[in-house]
């Protein structure tokens, strides 16, 4: 009987520790996503930079008035510089999107 209780206790402690780790990972993902959005809207380049990998390769499809589409490329440095330039500050508060949905956390990577 004592062995079963000990085993159950060890399993519960392991589940609790794993749950706390997942919660911490989810919070870090949420904070990173918010640093990206808030950094952009606030013109806070340091906050933006904290949310980006230096290897960022952002792609943006843009369509002009003649219905021609092109694919623009942006590096991490370009996004940080754009943030520093205050381009995001031009977005009216009512149009700012800061909701974060975490779709998954797997092996040290998250999708939000």
Protein backbone atom coordinates (compact mmCIF):
# COMPACT_ATOMS: atom_id res chain seq x y z
CA UNK A 1 0.00 0.00 0.00
CA UNK A 2 2.78 2.45 0.96
CA UNK A 3 4.51 1.84 -2.38
CA UNK A 4 1.34 2.66 -4.31
CA UNK A 5 0.84 5.91 -2.38
CA UNK A 6 4.48 6.88 -2.94
CA UNK A 7 4.23 6.12 -6.66
CA UNK A 8 1.02 8.13 -6.97
CA UNK A 9 2.62 11.03 -5.07
CA UNK A 10 5.68 11.00 -7.34
CA UNK A 11 3.47 10.96 -10.44
CA UNK A 12 1.37 13.86 -9.11
CA UNK A 13 4.49 15.89 -8.28
CA UNK A 14 5.79 15.24 -11.80
CA UNK A 15 2.49 16.29 -13.36
CA UNK A 16 2.41 19.46 -11.26
CA UNK A 17 5.99 20.35 -12.22
CA UNK A 18 5.30 19.67 -15.89
CA UNK A 19 2.13 21.77 -15.72
CA UNK A 20 4.03 24.67 -14.14
CA UNK A 21 6.66 24.44 -16.88
CA UNK A 22 4.00 24.48 -19.61
CA UNK A 23 2.32 27.47 -17.94
CA UNK A 24 5.67 29.32 -17.82
CA UNK A 25 6.32 28.50 -21.49
CA UNK A 26 2.84 29.71 -22.48
CA UNK A 27 3.37 32.93 -20.50
CA UNK A 28 6.73 33.51 -22.23
CA UNK A 29 5.09 32.99 -25.63
CA UNK A 30 2.31 35.41 -24.74
CA UNK A 31 4.79 38.02 -23.47
CA UNK A 32 6.85 37.72 -26.66
CA UNK A 33 3.77 38.18 -28.86
CA UNK A 34 2.68 41.18 -26.79
CA UNK A 35 6.18 42.69 -26.97
CA UNK A 36 5.90 42.48 -30.75
CA UNK A 37 2.47 44.15 -30.92
CA UNK A 38 2.97 46.67 -28.12
CA UNK A 39 6.48 47.52 -29.31
CA UNK A 40 5.11 48.32 -32.77
CA UNK A 41 2.21 50.44 -31.56
CA UNK A 42 4.29 52.24 -28.91
CA UNK A 43 7.31 52.80 -31.15
CA UNK A 44 9.42 50.89 -28.60
CA UNK A 45 12.29 49.40 -30.63
CA UNK A 46 13.79 47.60 -27.61
CA UNK A 47 10.49 45.84 -26.89
CA UNK A 48 10.16 44.89 -30.55
CA UNK A 49 13.73 43.62 -30.74
CA UNK A 50 13.16 41.42 -27.67
CA UNK A 51 10.37 39.65 -29.58
CA UNK A 52 12.34 38.90 -32.74
CA UNK A 53 14.87 36.34 -33.84
CA UNK A 54 17.83 38.01 -35.58
CA UNK A 55 17.13 35.54 -38.41
CA UNK A 56 13.59 36.86 -38.99
CA UNK A 57 12.47 36.71 -42.61
CA UNK A 58 9.05 38.36 -42.69
CA UNK A 59 7.10 38.28 -45.93
CA UNK A 60 4.23 40.65 -46.70
CA UNK A 61 1.96 40.35 -49.74
CA UNK A 62 0.90 43.81 -50.91
CA UNK A 63 -1.64 44.64 -53.61
CA UNK A 64 -1.67 48.06 -55.25
CA UNK A 65 -4.57 50.04 -56.77
CA UNK A 66 -4.04 48.28 -60.11
CA UNK A 67 -4.63 44.93 -58.37
CA UNK A 68 -0.97 43.94 -58.83
CA UNK A 69 0.49 41.94 -55.96
CA UNK A 70 4.10 41.84 -54.89
CA UNK A 71 5.88 40.08 -52.06
CA UNK A 72 7.93 42.34 -49.80
CA UNK A 73 10.67 41.04 -47.53
CA UNK A 74 11.55 42.46 -44.12
CA UNK A 75 14.48 41.56 -41.85
CA UNK A 76 14.52 41.85 -38.07
CA UNK A 77 16.66 44.98 -38.29
CA UNK A 78 14.26 46.61 -40.77
CA UNK A 79 11.31 45.88 -38.47
CA UNK A 80 13.17 47.28 -35.45
CA UNK A 81 14.11 50.40 -37.42
CA UNK A 82 10.51 50.81 -38.62
CA UNK A 83 9.36 50.52 -35.03
CA UNK A 84 11.94 53.08 -33.93
CA UNK A 85 10.65 55.36 -36.71
CA UNK A 86 7.20 55.27 -35.11
CA UNK A 87 5.29 53.79 -38.03
CA UNK A 88 3.13 51.71 -35.67
CA UNK A 89 2.20 54.78 -33.66
CA UNK A 90 0.12 55.89 -36.64
CA UNK A 91 -2.38 53.08 -35.97
CA UNK A 92 -5.42 54.44 -34.12
CA UNK A 93 -5.90 52.84 -30.69
CA UNK A 94 -9.27 51.40 -31.73
CA UNK A 95 -7.56 49.52 -34.59
CA UNK A 96 -4.67 48.10 -32.57
CA UNK A 97 -4.78 44.33 -32.21
CA UNK A 98 -3.19 42.86 -29.11
CA UNK A 99 -5.10 39.62 -28.58
CA UNK A 100 -2.85 36.59 -28.23
CA UNK A 101 -4.05 33.05 -28.91
CA UNK A 102 -1.57 30.25 -28.30
CA UNK A 103 -2.26 27.38 -30.67
CA UNK A 104 0.39 25.01 -29.43
CA UNK A 105 3.64 24.46 -27.56
CA UNK A 106 5.86 21.61 -28.69
CA UNK A 107 9.49 20.91 -27.95
CA UNK A 108 10.51 24.45 -27.06
CA UNK A 109 8.58 26.05 -29.93
CA UNK A 110 5.23 27.76 -29.82
CA UNK A 111 2.63 28.86 -32.32
CA UNK A 112 0.59 31.92 -31.42
